[in-house]
Amino acid sequence: MKPVPKLKFIPIPIFLFLVLNLASPLTLQAQDEDLHYQVVGVRGKPMVYRDENDETTRLRKGQTVDDGDRITTDSHSEVVLRLKGRAYVQIPPGSKIKITRLRVGDNKRLQSRINLISGRVLTQIDPGPPVSFEVTIGKFLCRAHGTLFDVSRKKEEVKVTAFEGSVVATSQGVVEMAKARQIMKYDHGRFRYKHYLKTEDEGRLEDWKGLLGEIREKRSQAGH
């Protein structure tokens, strides 16, 4: 009778090392793929300045934008961005924004920060794990504690609209909150007043919901 060959076992520490090292690139790759805004809606001829290669080009549907990129829309253009499984961001006509932060922090929470240079930016956050979405204007910072809000800027005047949930704003140590369906005004370094949504604000909200419905339907038909 032939002797039975002995089985060779890999020590557990080495086995775990191999498994983790094989899995890590896939995990990092998945995170990298998620950490991009994808252009899912375009009207007109918006432009994007790429910080990575110092170039300005026309922004088209299907492209991605990343940390450091600047997007500009004229009076006839508009952009809708999608952060996979996390949020939609609308950049209406006559606006300019810069993505200044897009990363996963040490607490494993997604962090997104947009600097509003001019115009308006709207953010709708998906239900799910907690995320940190912020909009900055100079020393003014607002952070979403809800799902749907927008921020507009006209010279030194800033308006924060909390359509759903709430938004916390801070400036030079002063903290204010806009609750659901409230608008908060900030002007020349000071918080001024709050009021509830008016007819034009309701109309803006309905326009966004209609646009988002069209985008979702088209993405569904395309298999996204």
C-alpha atoms as a PDB file:
ATOM      1  CA  MET A   1       0.000   0.000   0.000  1.00  0.00           C
ATOM      2  CA  LYS A   2       1.246   3.454  -0.979  1.00  0.00           C
ATOM      3  CA  PRO A   3       1.558   5.954   1.863  1.00  0.00           C
ATOM      4  CA  VAL A   4      -1.118   8.689   1.880  1.00  0.00           C
ATOM      5  CA  PRO A   5       0.481  12.036   0.991  1.00  0.00           C
ATOM      6  CA  LYS A   6       0.463  14.547   3.802  1.00  0.00           C
ATOM      7  CA  LEU A   7      -1.688  17.658   3.401  1.00  0.00           C
ATOM      8  CA  LYS A   8       0.120  20.950   3.672  1.00  0.00           C
ATOM      9  CA  PHE A   9      -1.604  23.597   5.777  1.00  0.00           C
ATOM     10  CA  ILE A  10      -0.935  27.302   5.526  1.00  0.00           C
ATOM     11  CA  PRO A  11      -0.526  28.864   8.977  1.00  0.00           C
ATOM     12  CA  ILE A  12      -3.577  30.999   9.884  1.00  0.00           C
ATOM     13  CA  PRO A  13      -1.724  34.352  10.085  1.00  0.00           C
ATOM     14  CA  ILE A  14      -0.293  33.854   6.590  1.00  0.00           C
ATOM     15  CA  PHE A  15      -3.695  32.728   5.263  1.00  0.00           C
ATOM     16  CA  LEU A  16      -5.400  35.838   6.637  1.00  0.00           C
ATOM     17  CA  PHE A  17      -2.656  38.045   5.225  1.00  0.00           C
ATOM     18  CA  LEU A  18      -3.178  36.574   1.764  1.00  0.00           C
ATOM     19  CA  VAL A  19      -6.979  36.921   1.920  1.00  0.00           C
ATOM     20  CA  LEU A  20      -6.873  40.526   3.124  1.00  0.00           C
ATOM     21  CA  ASN A  21      -4.297  41.563   0.566  1.00  0.00           C
ATOM     22  CA  LEU A  22      -6.260  39.978  -2.264  1.00  0.00           C
ATOM     23  CA  ALA A  23      -9.491  41.589  -1.102  1.00  0.00           C
ATOM     24  CA  SER A  24      -8.102  45.053  -0.345  1.00  0.00           C
ATOM     25  CA  PRO A  25      -7.501  46.188  -3.948  1.00  0.00           C
ATOM     26  CA  LEU A  26     -11.090  45.229  -4.821  1.00  0.00           C
ATOM     27  CA  THR A  27     -12.455  47.124  -1.833  1.00  0.00           C
ATOM     28  CA  LEU A  28     -10.375  50.194  -2.600  1.00  0.00           C
ATOM     29  CA  GLN A  29     -11.356  50.015  -6.245  1.00  0.00           C
ATOM     30  CA  ALA A  30     -15.048  49.881  -5.320  1.00  0.00           C
ATOM     31  CA  GLN A  31     -14.629  52.897  -3.045  1.00  0.00           C
ATOM     32  CA  ASP A  32     -12.804  54.826  -5.765  1.00  0.00           C
ATOM     33  CA  GLU A  33     -15.557  54.084  -8.260  1.00  0.00           C
ATOM     34  CA  ASP A  34     -18.183  55.386  -5.848  1.00  0.00           C
ATOM     35  CA  LEU A  35     -16.279  58.561  -4.985  1.00  0.00           C
ATOM     36  CA  HIS A  36     -17.064  60.425  -8.170  1.00  0.00           C
ATOM     37  CA  TYR A  37     -19.980  62.579  -9.175  1.00  0.00           C
ATOM     38  CA  GLN A  38     -21.434  61.385 -12.470  1.00  0.00           C
ATOM     39  CA  VAL A  39     -23.214  63.792 -14.799  1.00  0.00           C
ATOM     40  CA  VAL A  40     -26.735  62.383 -15.235  1.00  0.00           C
ATOM     41  CA  GLY A  41     -28.484  65.470 -16.608  1.00  0.00           C
ATOM     42  CA  VAL A  42     -27.300  68.295 -18.871  1.00  0.00           C
ATOM     43  CA  ARG A  43     -29.030  71.223 -20.534  1.00  0.00           C
ATOM     44  CA  GLY A  44     -27.200  73.766 -22.672  1.00  0.00           C
ATOM     45  CA  LYS A  45     -23.412  73.989 -22.629  1.00  0.00           C
ATOM     46  CA  PRO A  46     -22.054  73.883 -19.063  1.00  0.00           C
ATOM     47  CA  MET A  47     -18.285  73.978 -18.601  1.00  0.00           C
ATOM     48  CA  VAL A  48     -15.922  72.172 -16.241  1.00  0.00           C
ATOM     49  CA  TYR A  49     -12.433  73.175 -15.160  1.00  0.00           C
ATOM     50  CA  ARG A  50     -10.349  70.105 -14.280  1.00  0.00           C
ATOM     51  CA  ASP A  51      -7.948  70.826 -11.457  1.00  0.00           C
ATOM     52  CA  GLU A  52      -6.004  67.642 -12.277  1.00  0.00           C
ATOM     53  CA  ASN A  53      -4.923  68.710 -15.769  1.00  0.00           C
ATOM     54  CA  ASP A  54      -5.621  72.484 -15.684  1.00  0.00           C
ATOM     55  CA  GLU A  55      -8.092  72.320 -18.593  1.00  0.00           C
ATOM     56  CA  THR A  56     -11.550  73.768 -19.204  1.00  0.00           C
ATOM     57  CA  THR A  57     -13.922  71.751 -21.394  1.00  0.00           C
ATOM     58  CA  ARG A  58     -17.606  71.363 -22.071  1.00  0.00           C
ATOM     59  CA  LEU A  59     -19.321  69.087 -19.556  1.00  0.00           C
ATOM     60  CA  ARG A  60     -21.333  66.248 -21.077  1.00  0.00           C
ATOM     61  CA  LYS A  61     -23.713  63.615 -19.805  1.00  0.00           C
ATOM     62  CA  GLY A  62     -21.961  60.465 -18.586  1.00  0.00           C
ATOM     63  CA  GLN A  63     -18.746  62.208 -17.590  1.00  0.00           C
ATOM     64  CA  THR A  64     -17.493  62.298 -13.999  1.00  0.00           C
ATOM     65  CA  VAL A  65     -16.325  65.181 -11.843  1.00  0.00           C
ATOM     66  CA  ASP A  66     -14.099  64.919  -8.804  1.00  0.00           C
ATOM     67  CA  ASP A  67     -12.509  66.737  -5.904  1.00  0.00           C
ATOM     68  CA  GLY A  68     -11.025  70.032  -7.140  1.00  0.00           C
ATOM     69  CA  ASP A  69     -13.184  70.383 -10.272  1.00  0.00           C
ATOM     70  CA  ARG A  70     -15.165  73.578 -10.968  1.00  0.00           C
ATOM     71  CA  ILE A  71     -18.478  73.635 -12.847  1.00  0.00           C
ATOM     72  CA  THR A  72     -19.964  76.739 -14.474  1.00  0.00           C
ATOM     73  CA  THR A  73     -23.447  77.112 -15.976  1.00  0.00           C
ATOM     74  CA  ASP A  74     -24.568  80.118 -18.005  1.00  0.00           C
ATOM     75  CA  SER A  75     -28.125  81.456 -18.159  1.00  0.00           C
ATOM     76  CA  HIS A  76     -29.159  78.690 -20.577  1.00  0.00           C
ATOM     77  CA  SER A  77     -27.422  75.663 -19.057  1.00  0.00           C
ATOM     78  CA  GLU A  78     -27.955  73.324 -16.122  1.00  0.00           C
ATOM     79  CA  VAL A  79     -26.292  70.218 -14.655  1.00  0.00           C
ATOM     80  CA  VAL A  80     -27.466  67.372 -12.436  1.00  0.00           C
ATOM     81  CA  LEU A  81     -24.821  65.220 -10.727  1.00  0.00           C
ATOM     82  CA  ARG A  82     -25.253  61.802  -9.132  1.00  0.00           C
ATOM     83  CA  LEU A  83     -23.101  60.424  -6.328  1.00  0.00           C
ATOM     84  CA  LYS A  84     -23.862  56.714  -6.568  1.00  0.00           C
ATOM     85  CA  GLY A  85     -26.272  55.557  -3.887  1.00  0.00           C
ATOM     86  CA  ARG A  86     -25.836  58.773  -1.893  1.00  0.00           C
ATOM     87  CA  ALA A  87     -27.176  61.970  -3.454  1.00  0.00           C
ATOM     88  CA  TYR A  88     -28.224  64.121  -6.398  1.00  0.00           C
ATOM     89  CA  VAL A  89     -26.825  67.630  -6.851  1.00  0.00           C
ATOM     90  CA  GLN A  90     -28.434  70.189  -9.163  1.00  0.00           C
ATOM     91  CA  ILE A  91     -26.483  73.164 -10.495  1.00  0.00           C
ATOM     92  CA  PRO A  92     -29.097  75.523 -12.003  1.00  0.00           C
ATOM     93  CA  PRO A  93     -28.500  78.207 -14.659  1.00  0.00           C
ATOM     94  CA  GLY A  94     -26.149  81.053 -13.789  1.00  0.00           C
ATOM     95  CA  SER A  95     -24.153  79.169 -11.163  1.00  0.00           C
ATOM     96  CA  LYS A  96     -20.546  78.312 -10.389  1.00  0.00           C
ATOM     97  CA  ILE A  97     -19.387  75.705  -7.878  1.00  0.00           C
ATOM     98  CA  LYS A  98     -16.186  73.965  -6.850  1.00  0.00           C
ATOM     99  CA  ILE A  99     -15.996  70.495  -5.299  1.00  0.00           C
ATOM    100  CA  THR A 100     -13.555  71.026  -2.443  1.00  0.00           C
ATOM    101  CA  ARG A 101     -13.943  67.714  -0.615  1.00  0.00           C
ATOM    102  CA  LEU A 102     -15.040  64.233  -1.666  1.00  0.00           C
ATOM    103  CA  ARG A 103     -13.719  61.416   0.484  1.00  0.00           C
ATOM    104  CA  VAL A 104     -14.470  58.792   3.125  1.00  0.00           C
ATOM    105  CA  GLY A 105     -13.335  60.032   6.537  1.00  0.00           C
ATOM    106  CA  ASP A 106     -11.679  58.137   9.365  1.00  0.00           C
ATOM    107  CA  ASN A 107     -15.152  57.383  10.766  1.00  0.00           C
ATOM    108  CA  LYS A 108     -16.020  55.620   7.451  1.00  0.00           C
ATOM    109  CA  ARG A 109     -18.576  58.346   6.704  1.00  0.00           C
ATOM    110  CA  LEU A 110     -18.726  59.917   3.252  1.00  0.00           C
ATOM    111  CA  GLN A 111     -17.792  63.606   3.257  1.00  0.00           C
ATOM    112  CA  SER A 112     -18.758  65.949   0.440  1.00  0.00           C
ATOM    113  CA  ARG A 113     -18.160  69.697   0.471  1.00  0.00           C
ATOM    114  CA  ILE A 114     -19.085  72.126  -2.289  1.00  0.00           C
ATOM    115  CA  ASN A 115     -17.983  75.753  -2.437  1.00  0.00           C
ATOM    116  CA  LEU A 116     -20.757  77.892  -3.945  1.00  0.00           C
ATOM    117  CA  ILE A 117     -18.993  80.682  -5.811  1.00  0.00           C
ATOM    118  CA  SER A 118     -22.168  82.146  -7.328  1.00  0.00           C
ATOM    119  CA  GLY A 119     -25.753  81.183  -8.122  1.00  0.00           C
ATOM    120  CA  ARG A 120     -27.452  78.223  -6.521  1.00  0.00           C
ATOM    121  CA  VAL A 121     -26.881  74.552  -5.655  1.00  0.00           C
ATOM    122  CA  LEU A 122     -29.508  72.010  -4.595  1.00  0.00           C
ATOM    123  CA  THR A 123     -28.763  68.695  -2.874  1.00  0.00           C
ATOM    124  CA  GLN A 124     -31.078  65.732  -2.381  1.00  0.00           C
ATOM    125  CA  ILE A 125     -29.601  63.039  -0.129  1.00  0.00           C
ATOM    126  CA  ASP A 126     -30.630  59.391  -0.414  1.00  0.00           C
ATOM    127  CA  PRO A 127     -31.980  57.530   2.621  1.00  0.00           C
ATOM    128  CA  GLY A 128     -29.345  55.210   4.081  1.00  0.00           C
ATOM    129  CA  PRO A 129     -26.069  55.397   6.000  1.00  0.00           C
ATOM    130  CA  PRO A 130     -25.225  58.825   7.485  1.00  0.00           C
ATOM    131  CA  VAL A 131     -23.263  61.120   5.201  1.00  0.00           C
ATOM    132  CA  SER A 132     -21.825  64.614   5.628  1.00  0.00           C
ATOM    133  CA  PHE A 133     -22.912  67.060   2.916  1.00  0.00           C
ATOM    134  CA  GLU A 134     -21.710  70.641   3.268  1.00  0.00           C
ATOM    135  CA  VAL A 135     -21.899  73.861   1.250  1.00  0.00           C
ATOM    136  CA  THR A 136     -19.490  76.707   1.969  1.00  0.00           C
ATOM    137  CA  ILE A 137     -19.415  80.395   1.047  1.00  0.00           C
ATOM    138  CA  GLY A 138     -16.383  82.093   2.538  1.00  0.00           C
ATOM    139  CA  LYS A 139     -16.658  81.752   6.344  1.00  0.00           C
ATOM    140  CA  PHE A 140     -20.253  80.551   6.044  1.00  0.00           C
ATOM    141  CA  LEU A 141     -20.833  76.781   6.228  1.00  0.00           C
ATOM    142  CA  CYS A 142     -24.085  74.838   6.132  1.00  0.00           C
ATOM    143  CA  ARG A 143     -24.499  71.135   6.805  1.00  0.00           C
ATOM    144  CA  ALA A 144     -27.511  69.000   5.914  1.00  0.00           C
ATOM    145  CA  HIS A 145     -29.369  67.193   8.668  1.00  0.00           C
ATOM    146  CA  GLY A 146     -32.120  66.177   6.273  1.00  0.00           C
ATOM    147  CA  THR A 147     -32.596  65.036   2.722  1.00  0.00           C
ATOM    148  CA  LEU A 148     -33.378  68.033   0.496  1.00  0.00           C
ATOM    149  CA  PHE A 149     -32.018  71.577   0.687  1.00  0.00           C
ATOM    150  CA  ASP A 150     -30.601  74.317  -1.478  1.00  0.00           C
ATOM    151  CA  VAL A 151     -28.286  77.274  -0.998  1.00  0.00           C
ATOM    152  CA  SER A 152     -28.247  80.427  -3.130  1.00  0.00           C
ATOM    153  CA  ARG A 153     -25.767  83.277  -3.254  1.00  0.00           C
ATOM    154  CA  LYS A 154     -26.123  86.781  -4.631  1.00  0.00           C
ATOM    155  CA  LYS A 155     -23.037  88.839  -3.789  1.00  0.00           C
ATOM    156  CA  GLU A 156     -22.993  88.984   0.049  1.00  0.00           C
ATOM    157  CA  GLU A 157     -26.522  87.635   0.507  1.00  0.00           C
ATOM    158  CA  VAL A 158     -26.997  83.917   1.174  1.00  0.00           C
ATOM    159  CA  LYS A 159     -30.285  82.039   1.457  1.00  0.00           C
ATOM    160  CA  VAL A 160     -30.587  78.493   2.774  1.00  0.00           C
ATOM    161  CA  THR A 161     -33.803  76.595   2.058  1.00  0.00           C
ATOM    162  CA  ALA A 162     -34.611  73.395   3.949  1.00  0.00           C
ATOM    163  CA  PHE A 163     -37.266  71.669   1.859  1.00  0.00           C
ATOM    164  CA  GLU A 164     -37.071  68.456   3.890  1.00  0.00           C
ATOM    165  CA  GLY A 165     -35.284  67.750   7.173  1.00  0.00           C
ATOM    166  CA  SER A 166     -33.148  70.581   8.545  1.00  0.00           C
ATOM    167  CA  VAL A 167     -29.941  72.478   7.776  1.00  0.00           C
ATOM    168  CA  VAL A 168     -27.462  73.787  10.338  1.00  0.00           C
ATOM    169  CA  ALA A 169     -25.433  76.858   9.361  1.00  0.00           C
ATOM    170  CA  THR A 170     -22.410  78.306  11.142  1.00  0.00           C
ATOM    171  CA  SER A 171     -20.413  81.490  10.688  1.00  0.00           C
ATOM    172  CA  GLN A 172     -17.761  82.957  12.996  1.00  0.00           C
ATOM    173  CA  GLY A 173     -18.954  80.908  15.960  1.00  0.00           C
ATOM    174  CA  VAL A 174     -22.677  81.643  15.505  1.00  0.00           C
ATOM    175  CA  VAL A 175     -24.936  78.650  14.812  1.00  0.00           C
ATOM    176  CA  GLU A 176     -28.451  78.770  13.312  1.00  0.00           C
ATOM    177  CA  MET A 177     -30.844  76.089  12.080  1.00  0.00           C
ATOM    178  CA  ALA A 178     -33.436  76.099   9.308  1.00  0.00           C
ATOM    179  CA  LYS A 179     -36.103  73.488   9.959  1.00  0.00           C
ATOM    180  CA  ALA A 180     -38.191  71.734   7.308  1.00  0.00           C
ATOM    181  CA  ARG A 181     -39.908  74.209   4.953  1.00  0.00           C
ATOM    182  CA  GLN A 182     -37.972  77.165   6.350  1.00  0.00           C
ATOM    183  CA  ILE A 183     -35.708  79.676   4.607  1.00  0.00           C
ATOM    184  CA  MET A 184     -32.812  81.291   6.443  1.00  0.00           C
ATOM    185  CA  LYS A 185     -31.123  84.494   5.268  1.00  0.00           C
ATOM    186  CA  TYR A 186     -27.497  85.457   5.911  1.00  0.00           C
ATOM    187  CA  ASP A 187     -26.207  88.848   4.755  1.00  0.00           C
ATOM    188  CA  HIS A 188     -22.903  90.706   5.215  1.00  0.00           C
ATOM    189  CA  GLY A 189     -21.626  88.335   7.889  1.00  0.00           C
ATOM    190  CA  ARG A 190     -24.826  88.148   9.964  1.00  0.00           C
ATOM    191  CA  PHE A 191     -27.889  85.901  10.187  1.00  0.00           C
ATOM    192  CA  ARG A 192     -30.904  88.082   9.428  1.00  0.00           C
ATOM    193  CA  TYR A 193     -34.243  86.241   9.532  1.00  0.00           C
ATOM    194  CA  LYS A 194     -36.193  83.053   8.805  1.00  0.00           C
ATOM    195  CA  HIS A 195     -39.514  82.522   7.056  1.00  0.00           C
ATOM    196  CA  TYR A 196     -41.504  79.657   5.613  1.00  0.00           C
ATOM    197  CA  LEU A 197     -41.604  78.666   1.946  1.00  0.00           C
ATOM    198  CA  LYS A 198     -43.401  81.004  -0.412  1.00  0.00           C
ATOM    199  CA  THR A 199     -45.177  80.218  -3.672  1.00  0.00           C
ATOM    200  CA  GLU A 200     -42.031  80.688  -5.795  1.00  0.00           C
ATOM    201  CA  ASP A 201     -40.102  78.341  -3.502  1.00  0.00           C
ATOM    202  CA  GLU A 202     -42.816  75.697  -3.806  1.00  0.00           C
ATOM    203  CA  GLY A 203     -42.607  76.081  -7.573  1.00  0.00           C
ATOM    204  CA  ARG A 204     -38.845  75.573  -7.532  1.00  0.00           C
ATOM    205  CA  LEU A 205     -39.330  72.418  -5.495  1.00  0.00           C
ATOM    206  CA  GLU A 206     -41.928  71.052  -7.919  1.00  0.00           C
ATOM    207  CA  ASP A 207     -39.654  71.842 -10.889  1.00  0.00           C
ATOM    208  CA  TRP A 208     -36.845  69.855  -9.245  1.00  0.00           C
ATOM    209  CA  LYS A 209     -39.089  66.883  -8.498  1.00  0.00           C
ATOM    210  CA  GLY A 210     -40.272  66.853 -12.104  1.00  0.00           C
ATOM    211  CA  LEU A 211     -36.703  66.994 -13.427  1.00  0.00           C
ATOM    212  CA  LEU A 212     -35.551  64.258 -11.038  1.00  0.00           C
ATOM    213  CA  GLY A 213     -38.466  62.053 -12.108  1.00  0.00           C
ATOM    214  CA  GLU A 214     -37.441  62.401 -15.769  1.00  0.00           C
ATOM    215  CA  ILE A 215     -33.795  61.581 -14.974  1.00  0.00           C
ATOM    216  CA  ARG A 216     -34.722  58.506 -12.942  1.00  0.00           C
ATOM    217  CA  GLU A 217     -37.052  57.239 -15.651  1.00  0.00           C
ATOM    218  CA  LYS A 218     -34.374  57.589 -18.342  1.00  0.00           C
ATOM    219  CA  ARG A 219     -31.763  55.900 -16.157  1.00  0.00           C
ATOM    220  CA  SER A 220     -34.187  53.076 -15.416  1.00  0.00           C
ATOM    221  CA  GLN A 221     -34.849  52.567 -19.125  1.00  0.00           C
ATOM    222  CA  ALA A 222     -31.094  52.519 -19.752  1.00  0.00           C
ATOM    223  CA  GLY A 223     -30.617  49.849 -17.072  1.00  0.00           C
ATOM    224  CA  HIS A 224     -28.835  52.025 -14.473  1.00  0.00           C
END
